[in-house]
């Protein structure tokens, strides 16, 4: 989904910006750079929206349902995490988790069940000091991890079928199909 969701980290590197790693373990988890996360954390919700539009390189928000929904997904997720008082590392990790789960859905066509399993793998070891089973999100406390899971239940997971439709259904054909049905109904009447 790097092309469709924006791949902010990839674009930042292409533009010669230094993409900082949050920790050595989650280098692959970077979605937005620490600099971008820091900028977002200082903004009000309207500012966060404008900056995310810029970071994700969204140019067709008024005409692209996909861009609008993806922006909303990241905007609401970031704002929720900010209100949870996550530090910069946690904000970065949470945004990377949102991106990871959305890419699993959009690019890998994962079912909700498979994506929940992936979420579980990333949460392994939270709250267990020096666990050999540690996932990539061990900078969250147990309570924060529970809050993250609760948030994901009411955001992405509750609306998973809608996101699948957004990413995997050819909307133009469906619109044409509905118009053809309406034309046939009018002609028969």
N, C-alpha and C. Protein backbone atom coordinates (compact mmCIF):
# COMPACT_ATOMS: atom_id res chain seq x y z
N UNK A 1 0.80 -1.18 0.00
CA UNK A 1 0.00 0.00 0.00
C UNK A 1 0.85 1.25 0.00
N UNK A 2 2.13 1.13 -0.04
CA UNK A 2 2.99 2.30 0.01
C UNK A 2 2.57 3.33 -1.02
N UNK A 3 2.18 2.90 -2.19
CA UNK A 3 1.75 3.86 -3.19
C UNK A 3 0.39 4.44 -2.89
N UNK A 4 -0.54 3.62 -2.38
CA UNK A 4 -1.88 4.13 -2.16
C UNK A 4 -2.04 4.82 -0.83
N UNK A 5 -1.30 4.41 0.22
CA UNK A 5 -1.47 5.08 1.51
C UNK A 5 -0.48 6.19 1.68
N UNK A 6 0.44 6.28 0.82
CA UNK A 6 1.34 7.40 0.88
C UNK A 6 2.77 7.02 1.14
N UNK A 7 3.04 5.97 1.91
CA UNK A 7 4.41 5.59 2.20
C UNK A 7 5.25 6.76 2.63
N UNK A 8 4.80 7.47 3.66
CA UNK A 8 5.46 8.71 4.08
C UNK A 8 6.94 8.50 4.36
N UNK A 9 7.28 7.39 4.95
CA UNK A 9 8.69 7.12 5.24
C UNK A 9 9.52 7.00 3.98
N UNK A 10 8.96 6.32 2.98
CA UNK A 10 9.67 6.17 1.71
C UNK A 10 9.89 7.53 1.04
N UNK A 11 8.85 8.36 1.03
CA UNK A 11 8.97 9.68 0.41
C UNK A 11 9.97 10.54 1.15
N UNK A 12 9.98 10.44 2.49
CA UNK A 12 10.92 11.25 3.27
C UNK A 12 12.35 10.87 2.89
N UNK A 13 12.61 9.58 2.71
CA UNK A 13 13.96 9.16 2.32
C UNK A 13 14.28 9.63 0.91
N UNK A 14 13.28 9.53 0.01
CA UNK A 14 13.51 9.96 -1.37
C UNK A 14 13.83 11.45 -1.42
N UNK A 15 13.24 12.22 -0.52
CA UNK A 15 13.47 13.65 -0.51
C UNK A 15 14.74 14.02 0.24
N UNK A 16 15.51 13.02 0.65
CA UNK A 16 16.79 13.27 1.29
C UNK A 16 16.68 13.55 2.78
N UNK A 17 15.49 13.40 3.34
CA UNK A 17 15.34 13.63 4.77
C UNK A 17 15.83 12.40 5.52
N UNK A 18 16.39 12.63 6.70
CA UNK A 18 16.87 11.53 7.53
C UNK A 18 15.68 10.92 8.25
N UNK A 19 15.45 9.64 8.04
CA UNK A 19 14.37 8.97 8.73
C UNK A 19 14.94 8.28 9.95
N UNK A 20 14.64 8.84 11.13
CA UNK A 20 15.15 8.30 12.37
C UNK A 20 14.44 7.01 12.72
N UNK A 21 15.15 6.13 13.43
CA UNK A 21 14.52 4.93 13.92
C UNK A 21 14.08 5.16 15.35
N UNK A 22 12.94 4.61 15.70
CA UNK A 22 12.42 4.78 17.04
C UNK A 22 13.24 3.96 18.02
N UNK A 23 13.44 2.71 17.71
CA UNK A 23 14.37 1.86 18.46
C UNK A 23 15.02 0.96 17.44
N UNK A 24 16.10 0.30 17.83
CA UNK A 24 16.77 -0.60 16.91
C UNK A 24 15.89 -1.73 16.45
N UNK A 25 14.96 -2.17 17.31
CA UNK A 25 14.14 -3.33 16.99
C UNK A 25 13.05 -3.03 15.96
N UNK A 26 12.59 -1.80 15.90
CA UNK A 26 11.44 -1.53 15.05
C UNK A 26 11.77 -0.67 13.83
N UNK A 27 12.97 -0.79 13.35
CA UNK A 27 13.36 -0.02 12.18
C UNK A 27 12.37 -0.23 11.04
N UNK A 28 11.95 -1.47 10.83
CA UNK A 28 11.02 -1.76 9.75
C UNK A 28 9.63 -1.18 10.04
N UNK A 29 9.38 -0.78 11.28
CA UNK A 29 8.08 -0.26 11.66
C UNK A 29 7.92 1.22 11.36
N UNK A 30 8.96 1.90 10.96
CA UNK A 30 8.83 3.34 10.73
C UNK A 30 7.85 3.60 9.60
N UNK A 31 6.90 4.45 9.90
CA UNK A 31 5.93 4.89 8.91
C UNK A 31 6.12 6.39 8.70
N UNK A 32 6.17 7.11 9.79
CA UNK A 32 6.48 8.53 9.77
C UNK A 32 7.78 8.71 10.54
N UNK A 33 8.60 9.64 10.12
CA UNK A 33 9.87 9.88 10.81
C UNK A 33 9.62 10.51 12.17
N UNK A 34 10.62 10.48 13.04
CA UNK A 34 10.49 11.13 14.35
C UNK A 34 10.24 12.62 14.18
N UNK A 35 10.86 13.23 13.18
CA UNK A 35 10.65 14.65 12.91
C UNK A 35 9.19 14.90 12.55
N UNK A 36 8.63 14.06 11.69
CA UNK A 36 7.23 14.21 11.30
C UNK A 36 6.30 14.01 12.50
N UNK A 37 6.59 13.01 13.33
CA UNK A 37 5.78 12.77 14.53
C UNK A 37 5.86 13.96 15.46
N UNK A 38 7.03 14.51 15.63
CA UNK A 38 7.23 15.68 16.49
C UNK A 38 6.42 16.87 15.97
N UNK A 39 6.45 17.09 14.67
CA UNK A 39 5.68 18.19 14.06
C UNK A 39 4.19 17.97 14.31
N UNK A 40 3.71 16.74 14.08
CA UNK A 40 2.29 16.45 14.28
C UNK A 40 1.87 16.65 15.74
N UNK A 41 2.74 16.27 16.66
CA UNK A 41 2.38 16.34 18.08
C UNK A 41 2.18 17.76 18.58
N UNK A 42 2.69 18.74 17.85
CA UNK A 42 2.57 20.15 18.25
C UNK A 42 1.36 20.83 17.62
N UNK A 43 0.65 20.13 16.76
CA UNK A 43 -0.45 20.73 16.00
C UNK A 43 -1.81 20.46 16.66
N UNK A 44 -2.79 21.34 16.33
CA UNK A 44 -4.17 21.04 16.68
C UNK A 44 -4.70 20.06 15.63
N UNK A 45 -5.94 19.64 15.75
CA UNK A 45 -6.43 18.59 14.85
C UNK A 45 -6.43 19.04 13.38
N UNK A 46 -6.76 20.31 13.13
CA UNK A 46 -6.73 20.80 11.75
C UNK A 46 -5.31 20.81 11.20
N UNK A 47 -4.37 21.19 12.06
CA UNK A 47 -2.96 21.19 11.64
C UNK A 47 -2.46 19.78 11.38
N UNK A 48 -2.88 18.83 12.22
CA UNK A 48 -2.49 17.43 12.01
C UNK A 48 -3.02 16.96 10.67
N UNK A 49 -4.27 17.32 10.35
CA UNK A 49 -4.84 16.91 9.07
C UNK A 49 -4.04 17.48 7.91
N UNK A 50 -3.72 18.75 7.95
CA UNK A 50 -2.96 19.37 6.86
C UNK A 50 -1.57 18.76 6.71
N UNK A 51 -0.91 18.50 7.85
CA UNK A 51 0.43 17.91 7.80
C UNK A 51 0.37 16.48 7.28
N UNK A 52 -0.62 15.70 7.71
CA UNK A 52 -0.75 14.33 7.21
C UNK A 52 -1.01 14.33 5.70
N UNK A 53 -1.85 15.25 5.23
CA UNK A 53 -2.07 15.37 3.78
C UNK A 53 -0.75 15.57 3.07
N UNK A 54 0.08 16.44 3.63
CA UNK A 54 1.39 16.73 3.04
C UNK A 54 2.31 15.51 3.13
N UNK A 55 2.42 14.91 4.32
CA UNK A 55 3.33 13.78 4.53
C UNK A 55 2.93 12.57 3.67
N UNK A 56 1.63 12.37 3.48
CA UNK A 56 1.14 11.22 2.70
C UNK A 56 1.04 11.55 1.21
N UNK A 57 1.31 12.82 0.87
CA UNK A 57 1.29 13.28 -0.52
C UNK A 57 -0.09 13.07 -1.16
N UNK A 58 -1.13 13.39 -0.40
CA UNK A 58 -2.49 13.27 -0.91
C UNK A 58 -2.86 14.55 -1.64
N UNK A 59 -3.24 14.41 -2.89
CA UNK A 59 -3.55 15.56 -3.74
C UNK A 59 -5.00 15.56 -4.22
N UNK A 60 -5.72 14.46 -4.02
CA UNK A 60 -7.06 14.33 -4.59
C UNK A 60 -8.12 14.07 -3.51
N UNK A 61 -7.97 14.69 -2.36
CA UNK A 61 -8.89 14.43 -1.25
C UNK A 61 -10.35 14.74 -1.60
N UNK A 62 -10.58 15.74 -2.40
CA UNK A 62 -11.95 16.12 -2.72
C UNK A 62 -12.61 15.15 -3.69
N UNK A 63 -11.81 14.39 -4.44
CA UNK A 63 -12.38 13.49 -5.44
C UNK A 63 -12.05 12.03 -5.19
N UNK A 64 -11.17 11.73 -4.25
CA UNK A 64 -10.76 10.35 -4.01
C UNK A 64 -11.27 9.87 -2.66
N UNK A 65 -12.25 8.99 -2.71
CA UNK A 65 -12.78 8.40 -1.48
C UNK A 65 -11.68 7.67 -0.73
N UNK A 66 -10.82 6.97 -1.45
CA UNK A 66 -9.75 6.21 -0.82
C UNK A 66 -8.81 7.12 -0.04
N UNK A 67 -8.37 8.21 -0.65
CA UNK A 67 -7.49 9.14 0.05
C UNK A 67 -8.17 9.73 1.28
N UNK A 68 -9.44 10.09 1.14
CA UNK A 68 -10.17 10.69 2.26
C UNK A 68 -10.30 9.70 3.42
N UNK A 69 -10.60 8.47 3.13
CA UNK A 69 -10.77 7.46 4.18
C UNK A 69 -9.43 7.15 4.85
N UNK A 70 -8.37 7.03 4.06
CA UNK A 70 -7.05 6.75 4.62
C UNK A 70 -6.59 7.91 5.50
N UNK A 71 -6.79 9.13 5.03
CA UNK A 71 -6.43 10.29 5.83
C UNK A 71 -7.20 10.29 7.15
N UNK A 72 -8.48 10.03 7.09
CA UNK A 72 -9.31 9.99 8.28
C UNK A 72 -8.82 8.91 9.25
N UNK A 73 -8.47 7.76 8.72
CA UNK A 73 -7.97 6.64 9.52
C UNK A 73 -6.72 7.06 10.31
N UNK A 74 -5.76 7.67 9.62
CA UNK A 74 -4.53 8.09 10.29
C UNK A 74 -4.76 9.30 11.20
N UNK A 75 -5.57 10.24 10.76
CA UNK A 75 -5.85 11.43 11.56
C UNK A 75 -6.50 11.05 12.89
N UNK A 76 -7.55 10.26 12.83
CA UNK A 76 -8.24 9.87 14.06
C UNK A 76 -7.35 9.01 14.95
N UNK A 77 -6.56 8.14 14.34
CA UNK A 77 -5.64 7.33 15.12
C UNK A 77 -4.60 8.17 15.82
N UNK A 78 -4.01 9.10 15.10
CA UNK A 78 -3.00 9.96 15.71
C UNK A 78 -3.61 10.78 16.84
N UNK A 79 -4.77 11.35 16.57
CA UNK A 79 -5.38 12.21 17.60
C UNK A 79 -5.73 11.41 18.85
N UNK A 80 -6.24 10.19 18.66
CA UNK A 80 -6.54 9.32 19.81
C UNK A 80 -5.27 9.07 20.61
N UNK A 81 -4.19 8.70 19.93
CA UNK A 81 -2.92 8.41 20.61
C UNK A 81 -2.37 9.64 21.31
N UNK A 82 -2.52 10.80 20.70
CA UNK A 82 -2.06 12.04 21.32
C UNK A 82 -2.85 12.31 22.59
N UNK A 83 -4.15 12.09 22.55
CA UNK A 83 -4.98 12.28 23.74
C UNK A 83 -4.69 11.25 24.82
N UNK A 84 -4.12 10.13 24.43
CA UNK A 84 -3.70 9.11 25.41
C UNK A 84 -2.37 9.50 26.05
N UNK A 85 -1.81 10.63 25.63
CA UNK A 85 -0.52 11.12 26.13
C UNK A 85 0.64 10.18 25.83
N UNK A 86 0.59 9.55 24.67
CA UNK A 86 1.71 8.71 24.25
C UNK A 86 2.92 9.62 24.01
N UNK A 87 4.10 9.11 24.36
CA UNK A 87 5.32 9.86 24.06
C UNK A 87 5.63 9.72 22.56
N UNK A 88 6.67 10.39 22.10
CA UNK A 88 6.98 10.37 20.66
C UNK A 88 7.26 8.97 20.14
N UNK A 89 7.95 8.16 20.93
CA UNK A 89 8.24 6.78 20.51
C UNK A 89 6.94 6.00 20.38
N UNK A 90 6.06 6.17 21.35
CA UNK A 90 4.79 5.46 21.31
C UNK A 90 3.90 5.96 20.17
N UNK A 91 3.88 7.27 19.95
CA UNK A 91 3.12 7.81 18.81
C UNK A 91 3.62 7.24 17.50
N UNK A 92 4.93 7.21 17.35
CA UNK A 92 5.53 6.67 16.12
C UNK A 92 5.19 5.19 15.95
N UNK A 93 5.33 4.44 17.02
CA UNK A 93 5.01 3.01 16.97
C UNK A 93 3.54 2.76 16.68
N UNK A 94 2.68 3.56 17.28
CA UNK A 94 1.25 3.40 17.04
C UNK A 94 0.89 3.71 15.59
N UNK A 95 1.45 4.78 15.05
CA UNK A 95 1.19 5.12 13.65
C UNK A 95 1.72 4.02 12.72
N UNK A 96 2.88 3.48 13.06
CA UNK A 96 3.43 2.37 12.26
C UNK A 96 2.53 1.15 12.35
N UNK A 97 1.96 0.91 13.53
CA UNK A 97 1.03 -0.22 13.69
C UNK A 97 -0.22 0.00 12.83
N UNK A 98 -0.77 1.21 12.85
CA UNK A 98 -1.92 1.50 12.00
C UNK A 98 -1.59 1.23 10.54
N UNK A 99 -0.42 1.68 10.11
CA UNK A 99 0.02 1.47 8.73
C UNK A 99 0.19 -0.02 8.42
N UNK A 100 0.83 -0.73 9.33
CA UNK A 100 1.07 -2.17 9.17
C UNK A 100 -0.25 -2.92 8.96
N UNK A 101 -1.24 -2.64 9.81
CA UNK A 101 -2.51 -3.34 9.72
C UNK A 101 -3.27 -2.97 8.45
N UNK A 102 -3.21 -1.70 8.07
CA UNK A 102 -3.89 -1.28 6.84
C UNK A 102 -3.20 -1.87 5.61
N UNK A 103 -1.89 -1.95 5.62
CA UNK A 103 -1.18 -2.58 4.50
C UNK A 103 -1.48 -4.07 4.42
N UNK A 104 -1.60 -4.73 5.57
CA UNK A 104 -1.98 -6.15 5.56
C UNK A 104 -3.31 -6.33 4.85
N UNK A 105 -4.24 -5.44 5.11
CA UNK A 105 -5.56 -5.50 4.49
C UNK A 105 -5.48 -5.16 3.01
N UNK A 106 -4.84 -4.05 2.69
CA UNK A 106 -4.88 -3.55 1.31
C UNK A 106 -3.94 -4.30 0.37
N UNK A 107 -2.72 -4.55 0.79
CA UNK A 107 -1.73 -5.17 -0.11
C UNK A 107 -1.71 -6.68 -0.03
N UNK A 108 -1.83 -7.20 1.17
CA UNK A 108 -1.73 -8.65 1.37
C UNK A 108 -3.09 -9.33 1.38
N UNK A 109 -4.16 -8.55 1.28
CA UNK A 109 -5.53 -9.09 1.26
C UNK A 109 -5.81 -9.98 2.47
N UNK A 110 -5.25 -9.64 3.62
CA UNK A 110 -5.45 -10.45 4.82
C UNK A 110 -6.89 -10.36 5.31
N UNK A 111 -7.39 -11.48 5.77
CA UNK A 111 -8.70 -11.48 6.40
C UNK A 111 -8.57 -10.81 7.76
N UNK A 112 -9.69 -10.46 8.33
CA UNK A 112 -9.66 -9.84 9.65
C UNK A 112 -9.03 -10.79 10.67
N UNK A 113 -9.30 -12.07 10.54
CA UNK A 113 -8.74 -13.05 11.47
C UNK A 113 -7.22 -13.09 11.37
N UNK A 114 -6.70 -13.11 10.15
CA UNK A 114 -5.24 -13.14 9.96
C UNK A 114 -4.59 -11.85 10.45
N UNK A 115 -5.25 -10.73 10.23
CA UNK A 115 -4.71 -9.45 10.67
C UNK A 115 -4.70 -9.37 12.20
N UNK A 116 -5.72 -9.93 12.84
CA UNK A 116 -5.74 -9.97 14.31
C UNK A 116 -4.61 -10.84 14.83
N UNK A 117 -4.32 -11.93 14.13
CA UNK A 117 -3.17 -12.78 14.52
C UNK A 117 -1.87 -12.00 14.42
N UNK A 118 -1.72 -11.23 13.34
CA UNK A 118 -0.52 -10.39 13.19
C UNK A 118 -0.43 -9.36 14.30
N UNK A 119 -1.55 -8.77 14.64
CA UNK A 119 -1.60 -7.82 15.76
C UNK A 119 -1.13 -8.50 17.04
N UNK A 120 -1.62 -9.71 17.27
CA UNK A 120 -1.20 -10.47 18.46
C UNK A 120 0.30 -10.71 18.48
N UNK A 121 0.87 -11.03 17.32
CA UNK A 121 2.32 -11.27 17.25
C UNK A 121 3.12 -10.01 17.61
N UNK A 122 2.60 -8.86 17.21
CA UNK A 122 3.32 -7.62 17.52
C UNK A 122 3.19 -7.24 18.99
N UNK A 123 2.13 -7.72 19.64
CA UNK A 123 1.89 -7.37 21.04
C UNK A 123 2.54 -8.35 22.02
N UNK A 124 3.07 -9.43 21.53
CA UNK A 124 3.67 -10.45 22.40
C UNK A 124 4.77 -9.84 23.25
N UNK A 125 4.76 -10.17 24.51
CA UNK A 125 5.84 -9.77 25.41
C UNK A 125 5.65 -8.44 26.08
N UNK A 126 4.59 -7.70 25.73
CA UNK A 126 4.36 -6.42 26.41
C UNK A 126 4.08 -6.71 27.88
N UNK A 127 4.80 -6.04 28.74
CA UNK A 127 4.63 -6.22 30.17
C UNK A 127 5.45 -7.34 30.77
N UNK A 128 6.14 -8.07 29.92
CA UNK A 128 7.00 -9.16 30.40
C UNK A 128 8.45 -8.71 30.23
N UNK A 129 9.08 -8.32 31.34
CA UNK A 129 10.45 -7.83 31.22
C UNK A 129 11.40 -8.89 30.67
N UNK A 130 12.17 -8.48 29.69
CA UNK A 130 13.20 -9.33 29.08
C UNK A 130 12.65 -10.66 28.60
N UNK A 131 11.46 -10.63 28.05
CA UNK A 131 10.86 -11.85 27.50
C UNK A 131 11.54 -12.19 26.19
N UNK A 132 11.83 -13.44 25.99
CA UNK A 132 12.41 -13.89 24.73
C UNK A 132 11.38 -13.85 23.61
N UNK A 133 10.10 -13.66 23.96
CA UNK A 133 9.02 -13.65 22.99
C UNK A 133 8.61 -12.24 22.61
N UNK A 134 9.42 -11.27 22.91
CA UNK A 134 9.03 -9.87 22.74
C UNK A 134 8.67 -9.54 21.30
N UNK A 135 7.53 -8.86 21.15
CA UNK A 135 7.13 -8.32 19.85
C UNK A 135 7.83 -6.98 19.65
N UNK A 136 7.36 -6.23 18.70
CA UNK A 136 8.01 -4.97 18.37
C UNK A 136 7.47 -3.77 19.12
N UNK A 137 6.44 -3.95 19.94
CA UNK A 137 5.78 -2.83 20.58
C UNK A 137 5.98 -2.82 22.09
N UNK A 138 7.13 -3.27 22.53
CA UNK A 138 7.36 -3.38 23.97
C UNK A 138 7.57 -2.05 24.67
N UNK A 139 7.46 -0.93 23.95
CA UNK A 139 7.53 0.39 24.58
C UNK A 139 6.16 0.81 25.12
N UNK A 140 5.13 -0.02 24.91
CA UNK A 140 3.81 0.22 25.51
C UNK A 140 3.71 -0.52 26.83
N UNK A 141 2.99 0.06 27.77
CA UNK A 141 2.67 -0.66 29.01
C UNK A 141 1.51 -1.61 28.71
N UNK A 142 1.22 -2.49 29.65
CA UNK A 142 0.10 -3.42 29.47
C UNK A 142 -1.21 -2.64 29.30
N UNK A 143 -1.42 -1.63 30.14
CA UNK A 143 -2.65 -0.83 30.03
C UNK A 143 -2.73 -0.10 28.70
N UNK A 144 -1.61 0.42 28.23
CA UNK A 144 -1.61 1.10 26.93
C UNK A 144 -1.90 0.11 25.81
N UNK A 145 -1.33 -1.08 25.90
CA UNK A 145 -1.58 -2.10 24.88
C UNK A 145 -3.06 -2.49 24.85
N UNK A 146 -3.66 -2.60 26.02
CA UNK A 146 -5.10 -2.89 26.07
C UNK A 146 -5.90 -1.76 25.43
N UNK A 147 -5.50 -0.52 25.70
CA UNK A 147 -6.18 0.63 25.11
C UNK A 147 -6.02 0.63 23.59
N UNK A 148 -4.83 0.29 23.10
CA UNK A 148 -4.58 0.22 21.66
C UNK A 148 -5.50 -0.82 21.03
N UNK A 149 -5.59 -1.98 21.65
CA UNK A 149 -6.46 -3.04 21.11
C UNK A 149 -7.91 -2.60 21.12
N UNK A 150 -8.34 -1.96 22.19
CA UNK A 150 -9.72 -1.45 22.26
C UNK A 150 -9.97 -0.42 21.16
N UNK A 151 -9.00 0.46 20.93
CA UNK A 151 -9.15 1.45 19.86
C UNK A 151 -9.26 0.75 18.49
N UNK A 152 -8.40 -0.22 18.25
CA UNK A 152 -8.42 -0.91 16.96
C UNK A 152 -9.74 -1.66 16.76
N UNK A 153 -10.33 -2.16 17.84
CA UNK A 153 -11.62 -2.84 17.73
C UNK A 153 -12.70 -1.90 17.22
N UNK A 154 -12.70 -0.65 17.70
CA UNK A 154 -13.77 0.27 17.32
C UNK A 154 -13.45 1.06 16.05
N UNK A 155 -12.25 0.94 15.57
CA UNK A 155 -11.88 1.67 14.35
C UNK A 155 -11.74 0.68 13.19
N UNK A 156 -10.57 0.18 12.97
CA UNK A 156 -10.31 -0.69 11.81
C UNK A 156 -11.10 -2.00 11.85
N UNK A 157 -11.04 -2.71 12.96
CA UNK A 157 -11.60 -4.06 12.99
C UNK A 157 -13.12 -4.06 12.88
N UNK A 158 -13.79 -3.10 13.52
CA UNK A 158 -15.24 -3.02 13.45
C UNK A 158 -15.71 -2.72 12.03
N UNK A 159 -14.91 -2.01 11.28
CA UNK A 159 -15.29 -1.59 9.92
C UNK A 159 -14.45 -2.30 8.86
N UNK A 160 -13.94 -3.46 9.16
CA UNK A 160 -13.01 -4.16 8.28
C UNK A 160 -13.60 -4.41 6.90
N UNK A 161 -14.87 -4.84 6.85
CA UNK A 161 -15.51 -5.12 5.56
C UNK A 161 -15.58 -3.86 4.69
N UNK A 162 -15.81 -2.72 5.32
CA UNK A 162 -15.85 -1.48 4.55
C UNK A 162 -14.47 -1.14 3.98
N UNK A 163 -13.44 -1.35 4.77
CA UNK A 163 -12.08 -1.12 4.26
C UNK A 163 -11.76 -2.11 3.14
N UNK A 164 -12.16 -3.37 3.29
CA UNK A 164 -11.94 -4.35 2.22
C UNK A 164 -12.64 -3.88 0.94
N UNK A 165 -13.86 -3.41 1.08
CA UNK A 165 -14.59 -2.91 -0.08
C UNK A 165 -13.86 -1.74 -0.72
N UNK A 166 -13.38 -0.83 0.11
CA UNK A 166 -12.66 0.34 -0.39
C UNK A 166 -11.44 -0.06 -1.21
N UNK A 167 -10.68 -1.04 -0.71
CA UNK A 167 -9.42 -1.41 -1.37
C UNK A 167 -9.58 -2.44 -2.48
N UNK A 168 -10.62 -3.26 -2.42
CA UNK A 168 -10.66 -4.40 -3.33
C UNK A 168 -11.87 -4.47 -4.24
N UNK A 169 -12.76 -3.49 -4.19
CA UNK A 169 -13.93 -3.51 -5.07
C UNK A 169 -13.80 -2.43 -6.13
N UNK A 170 -14.02 -2.82 -7.37
CA UNK A 170 -13.96 -1.82 -8.44
C UNK A 170 -15.23 -0.96 -8.41
N UNK A 171 -15.14 0.21 -7.79
CA UNK A 171 -16.30 1.08 -7.60
C UNK A 171 -16.89 1.56 -8.92
N UNK A 172 -16.08 1.86 -9.91
CA UNK A 172 -16.62 2.37 -11.17
C UNK A 172 -17.56 1.34 -11.81
N UNK A 173 -17.16 0.07 -11.79
CA UNK A 173 -18.01 -0.96 -12.38
C UNK A 173 -19.32 -1.09 -11.63
N UNK A 174 -19.27 -0.98 -10.30
CA UNK A 174 -20.50 -1.08 -9.52
C UNK A 174 -21.44 0.08 -9.83
N UNK A 175 -20.90 1.28 -9.98
CA UNK A 175 -21.73 2.44 -10.30
C UNK A 175 -22.36 2.25 -11.67
N UNK A 176 -21.56 1.83 -12.63
CA UNK A 176 -22.08 1.59 -13.98
C UNK A 176 -23.15 0.51 -13.93
N UNK A 177 -22.88 -0.53 -13.14
CA UNK A 177 -23.85 -1.62 -13.01
C UNK A 177 -25.16 -1.13 -12.43
N UNK A 178 -25.12 -0.28 -11.42
CA UNK A 178 -26.34 0.27 -10.83
C UNK A 178 -27.06 1.16 -11.81
N UNK A 179 -26.31 1.96 -12.57
CA UNK A 179 -26.93 2.83 -13.57
C UNK A 179 -27.60 2.00 -14.66
N UNK A 180 -26.98 0.90 -15.04
CA UNK A 180 -27.57 0.03 -16.06
C UNK A 180 -28.87 -0.57 -15.53
N UNK A 181 -28.88 -0.99 -14.28
CA UNK A 181 -30.10 -1.55 -13.68
C UNK A 181 -31.20 -0.50 -13.66
N UNK A 182 -30.85 0.73 -13.28
CA UNK A 182 -31.85 1.79 -13.22
C UNK A 182 -32.37 2.09 -14.61
N UNK A 183 -31.51 2.08 -15.61
CA UNK A 183 -31.94 2.33 -16.99
C UNK A 183 -32.90 1.24 -17.45
N UNK A 184 -32.58 -0.02 -17.15
CA UNK A 184 -33.46 -1.13 -17.53
C UNK A 184 -34.81 -1.01 -16.83
N UNK A 185 -34.81 -0.61 -15.54
CA UNK A 185 -36.06 -0.47 -14.81
C UNK A 185 -36.92 0.65 -15.41
N UNK A 186 -36.29 1.76 -15.79
CA UNK A 186 -37.01 2.87 -16.39
C UNK A 186 -37.57 2.47 -17.73
N UNK A 187 -36.78 1.73 -18.53
CA UNK A 187 -37.23 1.31 -19.85
C UNK A 187 -38.39 0.33 -19.75
N UNK A 188 -38.39 -0.56 -18.70
CA UNK A 188 -39.46 -1.52 -18.58
C UNK A 188 -40.76 -0.89 -18.08
N UNK A 189 -40.66 0.24 -17.40
CA UNK A 189 -41.86 0.86 -16.84
C UNK A 189 -42.63 1.61 -17.85
